[in-house]
Amino acid sequence: MKKKRRGWAYTLVLLIFLVLFFYWDNNSLQISRYTLAYSQLPQGFDGLRIVQISDMHGKTFGEKNSTLAERIKALKPDILLTTGDMMSSTANDGGAFLDFLDTFGSYCPVYMCMGNHEQIARWLTDNDTHLKYEKFIQAVKSRGVTVLDNEKVLIERNGDKIALAGLTLELYHYSRRDLNPNDDSLFLKKSYIDQVLGDPVEPFTLLLAHNPAYFSEYSAWGADLTLAGHVHGGIIQVPFMGGLLSPEHVFFPEYDAGLFENETGKMIVNRGLGNSVINFRLFNRPEITFIELKTE
């Protein structure tokens, strides 16, 4: 009898631990820190502090996202960059991002690129969904956010300038690459980026692009640093193997989370704050990315 009771007690303790761990794993913010050095970075941008967030999908941390805002402010960023899906096309949840912006205030300049959910909402023929998108973007801009929808801006600091670009991918650029590996027309190419963004004009270009799958194309275009999201860290981070699943249902996507480098550029993929179709995470906490740029 005592052994049976002890067994039930152990089971109950284990269940409580698992519930608490799952809640913590899905609702506690993790800050990932990177220091990136570039020989071509203008001296005036040495020490630039960047915070990146992505894929909010209506997720909140504290009342009116106050916990998220305060965690970001504590990092003392010079700019805040958001890399898409700050609303969902399937739910009226853009208020979470607007609440965050209200709480964050004018602490530093905020820039945003478009994600696939903003794209879907923009092009849906459902008038209600389209109107939600229009009101959301209008409200974001009214709070001082610079929305980079296939646009470039110059950022000036200490007398020097760098380019910041926001690339809007077409929805077919998110197509199931595993089902269409030979359909070359679905893949983003450098020529598309040339067409919508033109040539990089500054010695250093920072690119916001929601989908990380095209890292080589971003670098070939001239992006020295690309910031992306979209993959949600692969939903489940499998130890020693990486993220399990991409939104396109590709198992173990090449670019799931973290820092990637090739011959000409670097890319950081943020794990995102919220969830979309699959509404949970495992070993994959919501993420704030902090980046400090240094000159070599």
C-alpha atoms as a PDB file:
ATOM      1  CA  MET A   1       0.000   0.000   0.000  1.00  0.00           C
ATOM      2  CA  LYS A   2       2.794   2.421   0.935  1.00  0.00           C
ATOM      3  CA  LYS A   3       4.668   1.626  -2.290  1.00  0.00           C
ATOM      4  CA  LYS A   4       1.511   2.290  -4.304  1.00  0.00           C
ATOM      5  CA  ARG A   5       0.972   5.641  -2.581  1.00  0.00           C
ATOM      6  CA  ARG A   6       4.604   6.519  -3.087  1.00  0.00           C
ATOM      7  CA  GLY A   7       4.275   5.676  -6.785  1.00  0.00           C
ATOM      8  CA  TRP A   8       1.247   7.952  -7.137  1.00  0.00           C
ATOM      9  CA  ALA A   9       3.084  10.722  -5.313  1.00  0.00           C
ATOM     10  CA  TYR A  10       6.069  10.462  -7.647  1.00  0.00           C
ATOM     11  CA  THR A  11       3.744  10.497 -10.658  1.00  0.00           C
ATOM     12  CA  LEU A  12       1.938  13.592  -9.355  1.00  0.00           C
ATOM     13  CA  VAL A  13       5.222  15.406  -8.720  1.00  0.00           C
ATOM     14  CA  LEU A  14       6.424  14.523 -12.217  1.00  0.00           C
ATOM     15  CA  LEU A  15       3.189  15.775 -13.792  1.00  0.00           C
ATOM     16  CA  ILE A  16       3.378  19.046 -11.858  1.00  0.00           C
ATOM     17  CA  PHE A  17       7.008  19.486 -12.952  1.00  0.00           C
ATOM     18  CA  LEU A  18       6.125  18.840 -16.600  1.00  0.00           C
ATOM     19  CA  VAL A  19       3.211  21.300 -16.526  1.00  0.00           C
ATOM     20  CA  LEU A  20       5.379  23.995 -14.926  1.00  0.00           C
ATOM     21  CA  PHE A  21       8.237  23.343 -17.363  1.00  0.00           C
ATOM     22  CA  PHE A  22       5.899  23.503 -20.355  1.00  0.00           C
ATOM     23  CA  TYR A  23       4.434  26.797 -19.141  1.00  0.00           C
ATOM     24  CA  TRP A  24       7.917  28.248 -18.509  1.00  0.00           C
ATOM     25  CA  ASP A  25       9.189  26.989 -21.862  1.00  0.00           C
ATOM     26  CA  ASN A  26       6.349  28.721 -23.721  1.00  0.00           C
ATOM     27  CA  ASN A  27       6.015  31.925 -21.715  1.00  0.00           C
ATOM     28  CA  SER A  28       9.444  33.008 -20.463  1.00  0.00           C
ATOM     29  CA  LEU A  29      11.590  35.275 -22.606  1.00  0.00           C
ATOM     30  CA  GLN A  30      15.122  34.280 -23.566  1.00  0.00           C
ATOM     31  CA  ILE A  31      17.674  36.877 -24.673  1.00  0.00           C
ATOM     32  CA  SER A  32      20.209  35.667 -27.237  1.00  0.00           C
ATOM     33  CA  ARG A  33      23.266  37.910 -27.554  1.00  0.00           C
ATOM     34  CA  TYR A  34      25.601  38.346 -30.520  1.00  0.00           C
ATOM     35  CA  THR A  35      28.611  40.569 -31.155  1.00  0.00           C
ATOM     36  CA  LEU A  36      29.338  40.833 -34.874  1.00  0.00           C
ATOM     37  CA  ALA A  37      32.477  42.467 -36.287  1.00  0.00           C
ATOM     38  CA  TYR A  38      32.757  43.864 -39.822  1.00  0.00           C
ATOM     39  CA  SER A  39      35.675  45.500 -41.583  1.00  0.00           C
ATOM     40  CA  GLN A  40      33.264  47.463 -43.838  1.00  0.00           C
ATOM     41  CA  LEU A  41      31.149  48.831 -40.976  1.00  0.00           C
ATOM     42  CA  PRO A  42      31.554  52.631 -40.808  1.00  0.00           C
ATOM     43  CA  GLN A  43      33.316  53.816 -37.668  1.00  0.00           C
ATOM     44  CA  GLY A  44      30.291  55.831 -36.620  1.00  0.00           C
ATOM     45  CA  PHE A  45      28.313  52.608 -36.133  1.00  0.00           C
ATOM     46  CA  ASP A  46      30.876  50.904 -33.908  1.00  0.00           C
ATOM     47  CA  GLY A  47      28.928  49.719 -30.872  1.00  0.00           C
ATOM     48  CA  LEU A  48      25.471  50.004 -32.477  1.00  0.00           C
ATOM     49  CA  ARG A  49      22.993  48.106 -30.274  1.00  0.00           C
ATOM     50  CA  ILE A  50      20.194  46.322 -32.149  1.00  0.00           C
ATOM     51  CA  VAL A  51      17.257  44.390 -30.739  1.00  0.00           C
ATOM     52  CA  GLN A  52      15.245  42.091 -32.998  1.00  0.00           C
ATOM     53  CA  ILE A  53      11.849  40.533 -32.322  1.00  0.00           C
ATOM     54  CA  SER A  54       9.682  38.523 -34.694  1.00  0.00           C
ATOM     55  CA  ASP A  55       6.491  36.469 -35.139  1.00  0.00           C
ATOM     56  CA  MET A  56       4.409  37.882 -32.285  1.00  0.00           C
ATOM     57  CA  HIS A  57       1.118  36.335 -33.493  1.00  0.00           C
ATOM     58  CA  GLY A  58      -0.856  37.933 -30.659  1.00  0.00           C
ATOM     59  CA  LYS A  59       1.426  36.685 -27.891  1.00  0.00           C
ATOM     60  CA  THR A  60       1.606  38.818 -24.749  1.00  0.00           C
ATOM     61  CA  PHE A  61       4.115  38.975 -21.936  1.00  0.00           C
ATOM     62  CA  GLY A  62       2.657  40.935 -19.061  1.00  0.00           C
ATOM     63  CA  GLU A  63      -0.226  43.386 -19.170  1.00  0.00           C
ATOM     64  CA  LYS A  64      -0.223  45.166 -22.546  1.00  0.00           C
ATOM     65  CA  ASN A  65       3.084  43.408 -23.275  1.00  0.00           C
ATOM     66  CA  SER A  66       4.775  45.478 -20.568  1.00  0.00           C
ATOM     67  CA  THR A  67       7.172  42.680 -19.591  1.00  0.00           C
ATOM     68  CA  LEU A  68       8.400  42.403 -23.173  1.00  0.00           C
ATOM     69  CA  ALA A  69       8.789  46.174 -23.455  1.00  0.00           C
ATOM     70  CA  GLU A  70      10.741  46.459 -20.219  1.00  0.00           C
ATOM     71  CA  ARG A  71      13.053  43.557 -21.091  1.00  0.00           C
ATOM     72  CA  ILE A  72      13.890  45.249 -24.386  1.00  0.00           C
ATOM     73  CA  LYS A  73      14.404  48.667 -22.789  1.00  0.00           C
ATOM     74  CA  ALA A  74      16.806  47.103 -20.296  1.00  0.00           C
ATOM     75  CA  LEU A  75      19.052  46.172 -23.248  1.00  0.00           C
ATOM     76  CA  LYS A  76      19.340  49.890 -24.153  1.00  0.00           C
ATOM     77  CA  PRO A  77      18.937  49.404 -27.918  1.00  0.00           C
ATOM     78  CA  ASP A  78      19.711  52.103 -30.461  1.00  0.00           C
ATOM     79  CA  ILE A  79      17.132  50.600 -32.838  1.00  0.00           C
ATOM     80  CA  LEU A  80      14.439  47.921 -32.620  1.00  0.00           C
ATOM     81  CA  LEU A  81      13.880  45.753 -35.708  1.00  0.00           C
ATOM     82  CA  THR A  82      10.804  43.541 -36.177  1.00  0.00           C
ATOM     83  CA  THR A  83      10.912  40.892 -38.863  1.00  0.00           C
ATOM     84  CA  GLY A  84       7.303  40.129 -39.725  1.00  0.00           C
ATOM     85  CA  ASP A  85       4.186  38.278 -38.601  1.00  0.00           C
ATOM     86  CA  MET A  86       3.426  40.804 -35.898  1.00  0.00           C
ATOM     87  CA  MET A  87      -0.220  39.961 -36.650  1.00  0.00           C
ATOM     88  CA  SER A  88      -1.930  36.776 -37.834  1.00  0.00           C
ATOM     89  CA  SER A  89      -3.990  36.420 -40.968  1.00  0.00           C
ATOM     90  CA  THR A  90      -6.286  33.923 -39.224  1.00  0.00           C
ATOM     91  CA  ALA A  91      -7.072  35.942 -36.082  1.00  0.00           C
ATOM     92  CA  ASN A  92      -7.675  39.529 -35.036  1.00  0.00           C
ATOM     93  CA  ASP A  93      -4.603  39.592 -32.798  1.00  0.00           C
ATOM     94  CA  GLY A  94      -2.638  42.627 -34.019  1.00  0.00           C
ATOM     95  CA  GLY A  95      -3.590  44.456 -30.825  1.00  0.00           C
ATOM     96  CA  ALA A  96      -0.815  42.667 -28.957  1.00  0.00           C
ATOM     97  CA  PHE A  97       1.807  44.419 -31.089  1.00  0.00           C
ATOM     98  CA  LEU A  98       0.008  47.752 -30.812  1.00  0.00           C
ATOM     99  CA  ASP A  99      -0.127  47.388 -27.025  1.00  0.00           C
ATOM    100  CA  PHE A 100       3.598  46.674 -27.036  1.00  0.00           C
ATOM    101  CA  LEU A 101       4.298  49.777 -29.104  1.00  0.00           C
ATOM    102  CA  ASP A 102       2.214  51.904 -26.741  1.00  0.00           C
ATOM    103  CA  THR A 103       4.121  50.560 -23.747  1.00  0.00           C
ATOM    104  CA  PHE A 104       7.504  50.771 -25.468  1.00  0.00           C
ATOM    105  CA  GLY A 105       6.815  54.357 -26.498  1.00  0.00           C
ATOM    106  CA  SER A 106       9.494  56.338 -28.274  1.00  0.00           C
ATOM    107  CA  TYR A 107      12.434  54.700 -26.510  1.00  0.00           C
ATOM    108  CA  CYS A 108      14.219  54.184 -29.845  1.00  0.00           C
ATOM    109  CA  PRO A 109      13.362  54.049 -33.569  1.00  0.00           C
ATOM    110  CA  VAL A 110      11.371  50.962 -34.616  1.00  0.00           C
ATOM    111  CA  TYR A 111      11.473  49.416 -38.101  1.00  0.00           C
ATOM    112  CA  MET A 112       9.323  46.594 -39.451  1.00  0.00           C
ATOM    113  CA  CYS A 113       9.293  44.374 -42.523  1.00  0.00           C
ATOM    114  CA  MET A 114       6.362  42.332 -43.789  1.00  0.00           C
ATOM    115  CA  GLY A 115       5.836  38.657 -42.996  1.00  0.00           C
ATOM    116  CA  ASN A 116       3.747  36.097 -44.822  1.00  0.00           C
ATOM    117  CA  HIS A 117       0.785  36.652 -42.474  1.00  0.00           C
ATOM    118  CA  GLU A 118       0.712  40.358 -43.268  1.00  0.00           C
ATOM    119  CA  GLN A 119       0.964  39.419 -46.942  1.00  0.00           C
ATOM    120  CA  ILE A 120      -1.916  36.927 -46.707  1.00  0.00           C
ATOM    121  CA  ALA A 121      -4.115  39.440 -44.885  1.00  0.00           C
ATOM    122  CA  ARG A 122      -3.294  42.101 -47.471  1.00  0.00           C
ATOM    123  CA  TRP A 123      -4.263  39.961 -50.457  1.00  0.00           C
ATOM    124  CA  LEU A 124      -7.227  38.004 -49.067  1.00  0.00           C
ATOM    125  CA  THR A 125     -10.499  38.833 -50.795  1.00  0.00           C
ATOM    126  CA  ASP A 126     -12.252  38.602 -47.417  1.00  0.00           C
ATOM    127  CA  ASN A 127     -13.076  42.281 -46.850  1.00  0.00           C
ATOM    128  CA  ASP A 128     -13.078  41.947 -43.060  1.00  0.00           C
ATOM    129  CA  THR A 129      -9.589  40.431 -43.008  1.00  0.00           C
ATOM    130  CA  HIS A 130      -8.249  42.976 -45.475  1.00  0.00           C
ATOM    131  CA  LEU A 131      -9.736  45.821 -43.453  1.00  0.00           C
ATOM    132  CA  LYS A 132      -8.103  44.445 -40.290  1.00  0.00           C
ATOM    133  CA  TYR A 133      -4.774  44.502 -42.116  1.00  0.00           C
ATOM    134  CA  GLU A 134      -5.256  48.065 -43.362  1.00  0.00           C
ATOM    135  CA  LYS A 135      -6.226  49.297 -39.894  1.00  0.00           C
ATOM    136  CA  PHE A 136      -3.324  47.402 -38.320  1.00  0.00           C
ATOM    137  CA  ILE A 137      -0.694  48.877 -40.644  1.00  0.00           C
ATOM    138  CA  GLN A 138      -2.182  52.341 -40.266  1.00  0.00           C
ATOM    139  CA  ALA A 139      -2.105  51.994 -36.471  1.00  0.00           C
ATOM    140  CA  VAL A 140       1.501  50.735 -36.548  1.00  0.00           C
ATOM    141  CA  LYS A 141       2.618  53.687 -38.651  1.00  0.00           C
ATOM    142  CA  SER A 142       0.702  56.136 -36.442  1.00  0.00           C
ATOM    143  CA  ARG A 143       2.855  54.953 -33.536  1.00  0.00           C
ATOM    144  CA  GLY A 144       6.005  56.017 -35.335  1.00  0.00           C
ATOM    145  CA  VAL A 145       7.098  52.666 -36.769  1.00  0.00           C
ATOM    146  CA  THR A 146       8.832  52.779 -40.147  1.00  0.00           C
ATOM    147  CA  VAL A 147       7.329  49.968 -42.236  1.00  0.00           C
ATOM    148  CA  LEU A 148       9.793  48.859 -44.910  1.00  0.00           C
ATOM    149  CA  ASP A 149       7.660  47.247 -47.607  1.00  0.00           C
ATOM    150  CA  ASN A 150      10.268  46.672 -50.333  1.00  0.00           C
ATOM    151  CA  GLU A 151      11.954  49.891 -49.267  1.00  0.00           C
ATOM    152  CA  LYS A 152      15.349  51.124 -48.150  1.00  0.00           C
ATOM    153  CA  VAL A 153      16.235  53.900 -45.728  1.00  0.00           C
ATOM    154  CA  LEU A 154      19.541  55.382 -44.665  1.00  0.00           C
ATOM    155  CA  ILE A 155      20.384  55.453 -40.994  1.00  0.00           C
ATOM    156  CA  GLU A 156      22.833  58.102 -39.836  1.00  0.00           C
ATOM    157  CA  ARG A 157      25.000  57.866 -36.736  1.00  0.00           C
ATOM    158  CA  ASN A 158      28.007  59.943 -35.745  1.00  0.00           C
ATOM    159  CA  GLY A 159      28.276  61.361 -39.247  1.00  0.00           C
ATOM    160  CA  ASP A 160      28.249  57.975 -41.024  1.00  0.00           C
ATOM    161  CA  LYS A 161      25.447  56.154 -42.847  1.00  0.00           C
ATOM    162  CA  ILE A 162      24.352  52.571 -43.432  1.00  0.00           C
ATOM    163  CA  ALA A 163      21.416  51.211 -45.423  1.00  0.00           C
ATOM    164  CA  LEU A 164      18.492  49.383 -43.829  1.00  0.00           C
ATOM    165  CA  ALA A 165      16.205  47.505 -46.231  1.00  0.00           C
ATOM    166  CA  GLY A 166      12.962  45.598 -45.752  1.00  0.00           C
ATOM    167  CA  LEU A 167      12.213  42.892 -48.320  1.00  0.00           C
ATOM    168  CA  THR A 168       8.618  41.742 -48.890  1.00  0.00           C
ATOM    169  CA  LEU A 169       8.606  38.250 -50.332  1.00  0.00           C
ATOM    170  CA  GLU A 170       5.729  37.133 -52.541  1.00  0.00           C
ATOM    171  CA  LEU A 171       3.512  34.427 -51.063  1.00  0.00           C
ATOM    172  CA  TYR A 172       4.725  31.896 -53.625  1.00  0.00           C
ATOM    173  CA  HIS A 173       8.227  32.322 -52.163  1.00  0.00           C
ATOM    174  CA  TYR A 174       6.885  30.478 -49.113  1.00  0.00           C
ATOM    175  CA  SER A 175       5.586  27.511 -51.116  1.00  0.00           C
ATOM    176  CA  ARG A 176       6.241  23.966 -49.956  1.00  0.00           C
ATOM    177  CA  ARG A 177       9.799  23.530 -51.157  1.00  0.00           C
ATOM    178  CA  ASP A 178       9.717  19.837 -50.266  1.00  0.00           C
ATOM    179  CA  LEU A 179       6.760  19.267 -52.622  1.00  0.00           C
ATOM    180  CA  ASN A 180       8.061  21.468 -55.426  1.00  0.00           C
ATOM    181  CA  PRO A 181      11.846  20.952 -55.448  1.00  0.00           C
ATOM    182  CA  ASN A 182      12.078  21.203 -59.233  1.00  0.00           C
ATOM    183  CA  ASP A 183       9.735  24.168 -59.761  1.00  0.00           C
ATOM    184  CA  ASP A 184      12.340  26.876 -60.120  1.00  0.00           C
ATOM    185  CA  SER A 185       9.710  29.588 -60.568  1.00  0.00           C
ATOM    186  CA  LEU A 186       8.702  29.315 -56.896  1.00  0.00           C
ATOM    187  CA  PHE A 187      12.151  30.198 -55.595  1.00  0.00           C
ATOM    188  CA  LEU A 188      13.245  33.718 -54.798  1.00  0.00           C
ATOM    189  CA  LYS A 189      16.165  34.867 -56.929  1.00  0.00           C
ATOM    190  CA  LYS A 190      18.613  37.735 -56.657  1.00  0.00           C
ATOM    191  CA  SER A 191      16.976  39.330 -59.698  1.00  0.00           C
ATOM    192  CA  TYR A 192      13.745  39.749 -57.715  1.00  0.00           C
ATOM    193  CA  ILE A 193      15.587  41.568 -54.925  1.00  0.00           C
ATOM    194  CA  ASP A 194      17.357  43.733 -57.516  1.00  0.00           C
ATOM    195  CA  GLN A 195      13.994  44.626 -59.010  1.00  0.00           C
ATOM    196  CA  VAL A 196      12.189  45.591 -55.790  1.00  0.00           C
ATOM    197  CA  LEU A 197      15.076  47.036 -53.752  1.00  0.00           C
ATOM    198  CA  GLY A 198      17.657  48.125 -56.322  1.00  0.00           C
ATOM    199  CA  ASP A 199      21.365  47.951 -55.626  1.00  0.00           C
ATOM    200  CA  PRO A 200      22.886  48.368 -52.169  1.00  0.00           C
ATOM    201  CA  VAL A 201      24.293  51.895 -52.068  1.00  0.00           C
ATOM    202  CA  GLU A 202      26.143  52.111 -48.771  1.00  0.00           C
ATOM    203  CA  PRO A 203      29.287  50.349 -47.570  1.00  0.00           C
ATOM    204  CA  PHE A 204      27.123  48.353 -45.129  1.00  0.00           C
ATOM    205  CA  THR A 205      23.594  47.047 -45.710  1.00  0.00           C
ATOM    206  CA  LEU A 206      21.317  45.489 -43.107  1.00  0.00           C
ATOM    207  CA  LEU A 207      18.387  43.534 -44.559  1.00  0.00           C
ATOM    208  CA  LEU A 208      15.096  42.544 -42.894  1.00  0.00           C
ATOM    209  CA  ALA A 209      13.603  39.510 -44.680  1.00  0.00           C
ATOM    210  CA  HIS A 210      11.007  37.317 -42.979  1.00  0.00           C
ATOM    211  CA  ASN A 211      11.872  33.998 -44.633  1.00  0.00           C
ATOM    212  CA  PRO A 212      15.433  32.777 -43.916  1.00  0.00           C
ATOM    213  CA  ALA A 213      15.379  30.087 -46.616  1.00  0.00           C
ATOM    214  CA  TYR A 214      17.048  32.408 -49.147  1.00  0.00           C
ATOM    215  CA  PHE A 215      20.168  33.331 -47.204  1.00  0.00           C
ATOM    216  CA  SER A 216      22.463  32.829 -50.193  1.00  0.00           C
ATOM    217  CA  GLU A 217      20.309  35.116 -52.361  1.00  0.00           C
ATOM    218  CA  TYR A 218      20.254  37.823 -49.681  1.00  0.00           C
ATOM    219  CA  SER A 219      24.034  37.735 -49.401  1.00  0.00           C
ATOM    220  CA  ALA A 220      24.512  37.666 -53.171  1.00  0.00           C
ATOM    221  CA  TRP A 221      22.359  40.808 -53.420  1.00  0.00           C
ATOM    222  CA  GLY A 222      24.672  42.578 -50.996  1.00  0.00           C
ATOM    223  CA  ALA A 223      23.245  42.173 -47.502  1.00  0.00           C
ATOM    224  CA  ASP A 224      26.061  42.217 -44.969  1.00  0.00           C
ATOM    225  CA  LEU A 225      23.668  41.196 -42.183  1.00  0.00           C
ATOM    226  CA  THR A 226      20.221  39.695 -42.687  1.00  0.00           C
ATOM    227  CA  LEU A 227      17.669  39.382 -39.893  1.00  0.00           C
ATOM    228  CA  ALA A 228      14.871  36.835 -40.363  1.00  0.00           C
ATOM    229  CA  GLY A 229      12.233  34.852 -38.475  1.00  0.00           C
ATOM    230  CA  HIS A 230       9.308  32.776 -39.788  1.00  0.00           C
ATOM    231  CA  VAL A 231      10.481  29.306 -38.703  1.00  0.00           C
ATOM    232  CA  HIS A 232       9.546  29.703 -34.999  1.00  0.00           C
ATOM    233  CA  GLY A 233      12.734  27.891 -34.074  1.00  0.00           C
ATOM    234  CA  GLY A 234      11.415  24.733 -35.687  1.00  0.00           C
ATOM    235  CA  ILE A 235       8.654  24.365 -33.025  1.00  0.00           C
ATOM    236  CA  ILE A 236      10.673  21.726 -31.164  1.00  0.00           C
ATOM    237  CA  GLN A 237      14.418  22.134 -30.748  1.00  0.00           C
ATOM    238  CA  VAL A 238      15.819  18.617 -30.911  1.00  0.00           C
ATOM    239  CA  PRO A 239      19.136  18.410 -29.002  1.00  0.00           C
ATOM    240  CA  PHE A 240      22.160  18.277 -31.342  1.00  0.00           C
ATOM    241  CA  MET A 241      19.874  18.326 -34.406  1.00  0.00           C
ATOM    242  CA  GLY A 242      18.119  21.718 -34.404  1.00  0.00           C
ATOM    243  CA  GLY A 243      14.554  22.751 -35.145  1.00  0.00           C
ATOM    244  CA  LEU A 244      12.197  19.943 -36.070  1.00  0.00           C
ATOM    245  CA  LEU A 245       9.693  21.514 -38.463  1.00  0.00           C
ATOM    246  CA  SER A 246       9.282  24.630 -40.600  1.00  0.00           C
ATOM    247  CA  PRO A 247       5.918  26.267 -41.413  1.00  0.00           C
ATOM    248  CA  GLU A 248       6.257  24.694 -44.879  1.00  0.00           C
ATOM    249  CA  HIS A 249       6.348  21.249 -43.199  1.00  0.00           C
ATOM    250  CA  VAL A 250      10.010  20.740 -44.003  1.00  0.00           C
ATOM    251  CA  PHE A 251      11.689  18.604 -41.364  1.00  0.00           C
ATOM    252  CA  PHE A 252      14.916  19.972 -39.904  1.00  0.00           C
ATOM    253  CA  PRO A 253      15.040  23.152 -42.020  1.00  0.00           C
ATOM    254  CA  GLU A 254      18.529  24.377 -42.833  1.00  0.00           C
ATOM    255  CA  TYR A 255      17.997  27.782 -41.206  1.00  0.00           C
ATOM    256  CA  ASP A 256      15.997  27.248 -38.029  1.00  0.00           C
ATOM    257  CA  ALA A 257      17.452  29.618 -35.419  1.00  0.00           C
ATOM    258  CA  GLY A 258      20.632  31.443 -34.503  1.00  0.00           C
ATOM    259  CA  LEU A 259      23.607  32.759 -36.455  1.00  0.00           C
ATOM    260  CA  PHE A 260      24.571  31.570 -39.939  1.00  0.00           C
ATOM    261  CA  GLU A 261      27.487  32.703 -42.105  1.00  0.00           C
ATOM    262  CA  ASN A 262      28.583  32.315 -45.699  1.00  0.00           C
ATOM    263  CA  GLU A 263      31.372  33.824 -47.768  1.00  0.00           C
ATOM    264  CA  THR A 264      29.840  37.278 -48.067  1.00  0.00           C
ATOM    265  CA  GLY A 265      27.336  37.766 -45.256  1.00  0.00           C
ATOM    266  CA  LYS A 266      25.788  36.775 -41.963  1.00  0.00           C
ATOM    267  CA  MET A 267      22.200  35.986 -40.990  1.00  0.00           C
ATOM    268  CA  ILE A 268      20.462  35.755 -37.619  1.00  0.00           C
ATOM    269  CA  VAL A 269      17.165  33.859 -37.427  1.00  0.00           C
ATOM    270  CA  ASN A 270      14.993  34.803 -34.467  1.00  0.00           C
ATOM    271  CA  ARG A 271      12.871  32.036 -32.898  1.00  0.00           C
ATOM    272  CA  GLY A 272       9.889  34.364 -32.563  1.00  0.00           C
ATOM    273  CA  LEU A 273       7.638  35.287 -29.676  1.00  0.00           C
ATOM    274  CA  GLY A 274       4.359  33.559 -30.470  1.00  0.00           C
ATOM    275  CA  ASN A 275       2.927  30.594 -32.301  1.00  0.00           C
ATOM    276  CA  SER A 276       0.762  30.098 -35.348  1.00  0.00           C
ATOM    277  CA  VAL A 277      -0.830  26.828 -36.487  1.00  0.00           C
ATOM    278  CA  ILE A 278       1.035  24.672 -33.954  1.00  0.00           C
ATOM    279  CA  ASN A 279       0.356  26.386 -30.663  1.00  0.00           C
ATOM    280  CA  PHE A 280       3.232  25.168 -28.505  1.00  0.00           C
ATOM    281  CA  ARG A 281       7.017  25.098 -28.220  1.00  0.00           C
ATOM    282  CA  LEU A 282       9.439  22.618 -26.699  1.00  0.00           C
ATOM    283  CA  PHE A 283      13.034  23.448 -25.673  1.00  0.00           C
ATOM    284  CA  ASN A 284      12.444  26.571 -27.735  1.00  0.00           C
ATOM    285  CA  ARG A 285      11.625  29.593 -25.590  1.00  0.00           C
ATOM    286  CA  PRO A 286      10.270  32.870 -27.029  1.00  0.00           C
ATOM    287  CA  GLU A 287      13.276  34.933 -28.045  1.00  0.00           C
ATOM    288  CA  ILE A 288      14.599  38.473 -27.981  1.00  0.00           C
ATOM    289  CA  THR A 289      17.747  38.891 -30.083  1.00  0.00           C
ATOM    290  CA  PHE A 290      20.355  41.421 -29.004  1.00  0.00           C
ATOM    291  CA  ILE A 291      23.115  42.331 -31.478  1.00  0.00           C
ATOM    292  CA  GLU A 292      26.055  44.665 -31.059  1.00  0.00           C
ATOM    293  CA  LEU A 293      27.933  45.686 -34.207  1.00  0.00           C
ATOM    294  CA  LYS A 294      31.676  46.327 -34.016  1.00  0.00           C
ATOM    295  CA  THR A 295      34.271  47.536 -36.498  1.00  0.00           C
ATOM    296  CA  GLU A 296      37.297  45.357 -37.146  1.00  0.00           C
END
